[in-house]
């Protein structure tokens, strides 16, 4: 990828939080892979967010 078009976390307002969220998403993907129902990924991300100290608002 060209350096001029590459998006990095330092371009975000909340760079540290963005980095943590990306890490949580990658961890869940690496653990569960593809093809599962959304609800499984949602619960896994909620757990990963809690472990990482990422603020979370659950939907009703």
PDB file of N, CA and C in Angstrom:
ATOM      1  N   UNK A   1       0.850  -1.179   0.000  1.00  0.00           N
ATOM      2  CA  UNK A   1       0.000   0.000   0.000  1.00  0.00           C
ATOM      3  C   UNK A   1       0.891   1.234   0.000  1.00  0.00           C
ATOM      4  N   UNK A   2       0.459   2.257  -0.660  1.00  0.00           N
ATOM      5  CA  UNK A   2       1.232   3.499  -0.701  1.00  0.00           C
ATOM      6  C   UNK A   2       1.163   4.208   0.635  1.00  0.00           C
ATOM      7  N   UNK A   3       2.273   4.734   1.060  1.00  0.00           N
ATOM      8  CA  UNK A   3       2.358   5.404   2.358  1.00  0.00           C
ATOM      9  C   UNK A   3       1.403   6.596   2.454  1.00  0.00           C
ATOM     10  N   UNK A   4       1.187   7.314   1.358  1.00  0.00           N
ATOM     11  CA  UNK A   4       0.344   8.509   1.400  1.00  0.00           C
ATOM     12  C   UNK A   4      -1.132   8.181   1.599  1.00  0.00           C
ATOM     13  N   UNK A   5      -1.568   6.979   1.229  1.00  0.00           N
ATOM     14  CA  UNK A   5      -2.978   6.616   1.370  1.00  0.00           C
ATOM     15  C   UNK A   5      -3.226   5.702   2.556  1.00  0.00           C
ATOM     16  N   UNK A   6      -2.179   5.339   3.255  1.00  0.00           N
ATOM     17  CA  UNK A   6      -2.311   4.414   4.368  1.00  0.00           C
ATOM     18  C   UNK A   6      -2.913   5.118   5.577  1.00  0.00           C
ATOM     19  N   UNK A   7      -3.904   4.487   6.179  1.00  0.00           N
ATOM     20  CA  UNK A   7      -4.536   5.046   7.375  1.00  0.00           C
ATOM     21  C   UNK A   7      -3.860   4.423   8.588  1.00  0.00           C
ATOM     22  N   UNK A   8      -3.447   5.256   9.509  1.00  0.00           N
ATOM     23  CA  UNK A   8      -2.836   4.775  10.741  1.00  0.00           C
ATOM     24  C   UNK A   8      -3.629   5.290  11.928  1.00  0.00           C
ATOM     25  N   UNK A   9      -3.406   4.679  13.063  1.00  0.00           N
ATOM     26  CA  UNK A   9      -4.131   5.093  14.266  1.00  0.00           C
ATOM     27  C   UNK A   9      -3.826   6.527  14.666  1.00  0.00           C
ATOM     28  N   UNK A  10      -2.671   7.049  14.301  1.00  0.00           N
ATOM     29  CA  UNK A  10      -2.348   8.411  14.712  1.00  0.00           C
ATOM     30  C   UNK A  10      -3.214   9.446  13.997  1.00  0.00           C
ATOM     31  N   UNK A  11      -3.956   9.035  12.953  1.00  0.00           N
ATOM     32  CA  UNK A  11      -4.870   9.935  12.257  1.00  0.00           C
ATOM     33  C   UNK A  11      -6.195  10.093  13.009  1.00  0.00           C
ATOM     34  N   UNK A  12      -6.447   9.222  13.985  1.00  0.00           N
ATOM     35  CA  UNK A  12      -7.717   9.237  14.705  1.00  0.00           C
ATOM     36  C   UNK A  12      -7.666  10.152  15.918  1.00  0.00           C
ATOM     37  N   UNK A  13      -8.815  10.660  16.312  1.00  0.00           N
ATOM     38  CA  UNK A  13      -8.888  11.501  17.501  1.00  0.00           C
ATOM     39  C   UNK A  13      -8.560  10.708  18.753  1.00  0.00           C
ATOM     40  N   UNK A  14      -9.044   9.486  18.830  1.00  0.00           N
ATOM     41  CA  UNK A  14      -8.811   8.607  19.974  1.00  0.00           C
ATOM     42  C   UNK A  14      -7.896   7.471  19.546  1.00  0.00           C
ATOM     43  N   UNK A  15      -6.645   7.783  19.277  1.00  0.00           N
ATOM     44  CA  UNK A  15      -5.708   6.814  18.708  1.00  0.00           C
ATOM     45  C   UNK A  15      -5.522   5.592  19.610  1.00  0.00           C
ATOM     46  N   UNK A  16      -5.341   5.809  20.894  1.00  0.00           N
ATOM     47  CA  UNK A  16      -5.116   4.679  21.808  1.00  0.00           C
ATOM     48  C   UNK A  16      -6.346   3.777  21.881  1.00  0.00           C
ATOM     49  N   UNK A  17      -7.527   4.378  21.976  1.00  0.00           N
ATOM     50  CA  UNK A  17      -8.757   3.600  22.023  1.00  0.00           C
ATOM     51  C   UNK A  17      -8.963   2.838  20.711  1.00  0.00           C
ATOM     52  N   UNK A  18      -8.692   3.482  19.593  1.00  0.00           N
ATOM     53  CA  UNK A  18      -8.810   2.824  18.288  1.00  0.00           C
ATOM     54  C   UNK A  18      -7.890   1.614  18.207  1.00  0.00           C
ATOM     55  N   UNK A  19      -6.682   1.763  18.718  1.00  0.00           N
ATOM     56  CA  UNK A  19      -5.715   0.666  18.723  1.00  0.00           C
ATOM     57  C   UNK A  19      -6.228  -0.502  19.557  1.00  0.00           C
ATOM     58  N   UNK A  20      -6.799  -0.197  20.731  1.00  0.00           N
ATOM     59  CA  UNK A  20      -7.341  -1.247  21.595  1.00  0.00           C
ATOM     60  C   UNK A  20      -8.515  -1.968  20.934  1.00  0.00           C
ATOM     61  N   UNK A  21      -9.388  -1.215  20.280  1.00  0.00           N
ATOM     62  CA  UNK A  21     -10.558  -1.812  19.619  1.00  0.00           C
ATOM     63  C   UNK A  21     -10.102  -2.723  18.484  1.00  0.00           C
ATOM     64  N   UNK A  22      -9.154  -2.259  17.689  1.00  0.00           N
ATOM     65  CA  UNK A  22      -8.630  -3.097  16.600  1.00  0.00           C
ATOM     66  C   UNK A  22      -8.037  -4.387  17.153  1.00  0.00           C
ATOM     67  N   UNK A  23      -7.298  -4.285  18.230  1.00  0.00           N
ATOM     68  CA  UNK A  23      -6.710  -5.465  18.851  1.00  0.00           C
ATOM     69  C   UNK A  23      -7.765  -6.448  19.314  1.00  0.00           C
ATOM     70  N   UNK A  24      -8.842  -5.931  19.919  1.00  0.00           N
ATOM     71  CA  UNK A  24      -9.930  -6.791  20.381  1.00  0.00           C
ATOM     72  C   UNK A  24     -10.598  -7.504  19.208  1.00  0.00           C
ATOM     73  N   UNK A  25     -10.824  -6.773  18.127  1.00  0.00           N
ATOM     74  CA  UNK A  25     -11.459  -7.371  16.942  1.00  0.00           C
ATOM     75  C   UNK A  25     -10.567  -8.460  16.368  1.00  0.00           C
ATOM     76  N   UNK A  26      -9.278  -8.193  16.255  1.00  0.00           N
ATOM     77  CA  UNK A  26      -8.346  -9.202  15.737  1.00  0.00           C
ATOM     78  C   UNK A  26      -8.301 -10.431  16.643  1.00  0.00           C
ATOM     79  N   UNK A  27      -8.304 -10.224  17.953  1.00  0.00           N
ATOM     80  CA  UNK A  27      -8.287 -11.357  18.881  1.00  0.00           C
ATOM     81  C   UNK A  27      -9.505 -12.246  18.702  1.00  0.00           C
ATOM     82  N   UNK A  28     -10.666 -11.627  18.574  1.00  0.00           N
ATOM     83  CA  UNK A  28     -11.899 -12.397  18.376  1.00  0.00           C
ATOM     84  C   UNK A  28     -11.858 -13.125  17.040  1.00  0.00           C
ATOM     85  N   UNK A  29     -11.427 -12.450  15.996  1.00  0.00           N
ATOM     86  CA  UNK A  29     -11.356 -13.093  14.681  1.00  0.00           C
ATOM     87  C   UNK A  29     -10.379 -14.274  14.700  1.00  0.00           C
ATOM     88  N   UNK A  30      -9.228 -14.074  15.331  1.00  0.00           N
ATOM     89  CA  UNK A  30      -8.248 -15.156  15.392  1.00  0.00           C
ATOM     90  C   UNK A  30      -8.749 -16.342  16.202  1.00  0.00           C
ATOM     91  N   UNK A  31      -9.565 -16.075  17.204  1.00  0.00           N
ATOM     92  CA  UNK A  31     -10.084 -17.150  18.045  1.00  0.00           C
ATOM     93  C   UNK A  31     -11.225 -17.906  17.366  1.00  0.00           C
ATOM     94  N   UNK A  32     -12.136 -17.177  16.697  1.00  0.00           N
ATOM     95  CA  UNK A  32     -13.353 -17.797  16.172  1.00  0.00           C
ATOM     96  C   UNK A  32     -13.381 -17.948  14.657  1.00  0.00           C
ATOM     97  N   UNK A  33     -12.580 -17.183  13.948  1.00  0.00           N
ATOM     98  CA  UNK A  33     -12.582 -17.287  12.491  1.00  0.00           C
ATOM     99  C   UNK A  33     -13.847 -16.706  11.880  1.00  0.00           C
ATOM    100  N   UNK A  34     -14.191 -17.216  10.703  1.00  0.00           N
ATOM    101  CA  UNK A  34     -15.350 -16.702   9.952  1.00  0.00           C
ATOM    102  C   UNK A  34     -16.542 -17.640  10.036  1.00  0.00           C
ATOM    103  N   UNK A  35     -17.701 -17.090   9.655  1.00  0.00           N
ATOM    104  CA  UNK A  35     -18.873 -17.917   9.411  1.00  0.00           C
ATOM    105  C   UNK A  35     -19.802 -18.163  10.570  1.00  0.00           C
ATOM    106  N   UNK A  36     -19.555 -17.554  11.722  1.00  0.00           N
ATOM    107  CA  UNK A  36     -20.446 -17.749  12.857  1.00  0.00           C
ATOM    108  C   UNK A  36     -21.531 -16.676  12.859  1.00  0.00           C
ATOM    109  N   UNK A  37     -22.521 -16.892  13.689  1.00  0.00           N
ATOM    110  CA  UNK A  37     -23.609 -15.910  13.789  1.00  0.00           C
ATOM    111  C   UNK A  37     -23.121 -14.656  14.496  1.00  0.00           C
ATOM    112  N   UNK A  38     -23.751 -13.547  14.150  1.00  0.00           N
ATOM    113  CA  UNK A  38     -23.366 -12.244  14.696  1.00  0.00           C
ATOM    114  C   UNK A  38     -23.402 -12.237  16.216  1.00  0.00           C
ATOM    115  N   UNK A  39     -24.373 -12.914  16.804  1.00  0.00           N
ATOM    116  CA  UNK A  39     -24.533 -12.931  18.254  1.00  0.00           C
ATOM    117  C   UNK A  39     -23.288 -13.515  18.945  1.00  0.00           C
ATOM    118  N   UNK A  40     -22.674 -14.497  18.334  1.00  0.00           N
ATOM    119  CA  UNK A  40     -21.466 -15.099  18.911  1.00  0.00           C
ATOM    120  C   UNK A  40     -20.331 -14.089  18.912  1.00  0.00           C
ATOM    121  N   UNK A  41     -20.155 -13.394  17.798  1.00  0.00           N
ATOM    122  CA  UNK A  41     -19.108 -12.374  17.716  1.00  0.00           C
ATOM    123  C   UNK A  41     -19.389 -11.230  18.681  1.00  0.00           C
ATOM    124  N   UNK A  42     -20.642 -10.860  18.817  1.00  0.00           N
ATOM    125  CA  UNK A  42     -21.010  -9.772  19.726  1.00  0.00           C
ATOM    126  C   UNK A  42     -20.628 -10.118  21.155  1.00  0.00           C
ATOM    127  N   UNK A  43     -20.978 -11.309  21.599  1.00  0.00           N
ATOM    128  CA  UNK A  43     -20.645 -11.714  22.971  1.00  0.00           C
ATOM    129  C   UNK A  43     -19.130 -11.811  23.170  1.00  0.00           C
ATOM    130  N   UNK A  44     -18.445 -12.339  22.171  1.00  0.00           N
ATOM    131  CA  UNK A  44     -16.990 -12.453  22.257  1.00  0.00           C
ATOM    132  C   UNK A  44     -16.336 -11.075  22.319  1.00  0.00           C
ATOM    133  N   UNK A  45     -16.837 -10.125  21.515  1.00  0.00           N
ATOM    134  CA  UNK A  45     -16.282  -8.762  21.544  1.00  0.00           C
ATOM    135  C   UNK A  45     -16.576  -8.075  22.877  1.00  0.00           C
ATOM    136  N   UNK A  46     -17.760  -8.282  23.416  1.00  0.00           N
ATOM    137  CA  UNK A  46     -18.085  -7.706  24.715  1.00  0.00           C
ATOM    138  C   UNK A  46     -17.099  -8.199  25.770  1.00  0.00           C
ATOM    139  N   UNK A  47     -16.817  -9.492  25.762  1.00  0.00           N
ATOM    140  CA  UNK A  47     -15.873 -10.070  26.711  1.00  0.00           C
ATOM    141  C   UNK A  47     -14.464  -9.509  26.493  1.00  0.00           C
ATOM    142  N   UNK A  48     -14.063  -9.419  25.248  1.00  0.00           N
ATOM    143  CA  UNK A  48     -12.732  -8.905  24.918  1.00  0.00           C
ATOM    144  C   UNK A  48     -12.607  -7.425  25.306  1.00  0.00           C
ATOM    145  N   UNK A  49     -13.666  -6.647  25.086  1.00  0.00           N
ATOM    146  CA  UNK A  49     -13.658  -5.236  25.484  1.00  0.00           C
ATOM    147  C   UNK A  49     -13.494  -5.109  26.995  1.00  0.00           C
ATOM    148  N   UNK A  50     -14.207  -5.922  27.740  1.00  0.00           N
ATOM    149  CA  UNK A  50     -14.099  -5.864  29.203  1.00  0.00           C
ATOM    150  C   UNK A  50     -12.678  -6.203  29.654  1.00  0.00           C
ATOM    151  N   UNK A  51     -12.102  -7.251  29.060  1.00  0.00           N
ATOM    152  CA  UNK A  51     -10.733  -7.641  29.416  1.00  0.00           C
ATOM    153  C   UNK A  51      -9.733  -6.545  29.096  1.00  0.00           C
ATOM    154  N   UNK A  52      -9.993  -5.790  28.032  1.00  0.00           N
ATOM    155  CA  UNK A  52      -9.072  -4.746  27.588  1.00  0.00           C
ATOM    156  C   UNK A  52      -9.354  -3.394  28.220  1.00  0.00           C
ATOM    157  N   UNK A  53     -10.409  -3.305  29.026  1.00  0.00           N
ATOM    158  CA  UNK A  53     -10.752  -2.041  29.665  1.00  0.00           C
ATOM    159  C   UNK A  53     -11.381  -1.028  28.723  1.00  0.00           C
ATOM    160  N   UNK A  54     -12.022  -1.519  27.661  1.00  0.00           N
ATOM    161  CA  UNK A  54     -12.671  -0.642  26.684  1.00  0.00           C
ATOM    162  C   UNK A  54     -14.102  -0.380  27.149  1.00  0.00           C
ATOM    163  N   UNK A  55     -14.512   0.884  27.263  1.00  0.00           N
ATOM    164  CA  UNK A  55     -15.883   1.192  27.679  1.00  0.00           C
ATOM    165  C   UNK A  55     -16.893   0.581  26.713  1.00  0.00           C
ATOM    166  N   UNK A  56     -17.983   0.082  27.270  1.00  0.00           N
ATOM    167  CA  UNK A  56     -18.958  -0.625  26.473  1.00  0.00           C
ATOM    168  C   UNK A  56     -20.367  -0.268  26.912  1.00  0.00           C
ATOM    169  N   UNK A  57     -21.213   0.036  25.943  1.00  0.00           N
ATOM    170  CA  UNK A  57     -22.630   0.231  26.210  1.00  0.00           C
ATOM    171  C   UNK A  57     -23.369  -0.884  25.480  1.00  0.00           C
ATOM    172  N   UNK A  58     -24.042  -1.743  26.235  1.00  0.00           N
ATOM    173  CA  UNK A  58     -24.745  -2.857  25.612  1.00  0.00           C
ATOM    174  C   UNK A  58     -26.083  -2.411  25.076  1.00  0.00           C
ATOM    175  N   UNK A  59     -26.453  -2.991  23.941  1.00  0.00           N
ATOM    176  CA  UNK A  59     -27.765  -2.657  23.394  1.00  0.00           C
ATOM    177  C   UNK A  59     -28.829  -3.434  24.158  1.00  0.00           C
ATOM    178  N   UNK A  60     -29.993  -2.855  24.223  1.00  0.00           N
ATOM    179  CA  UNK A  60     -31.082  -3.433  25.014  1.00  0.00           C
ATOM    180  C   UNK A  60     -31.652  -4.677  24.407  1.00  0.00           C
TER     181      UNK A  60
END
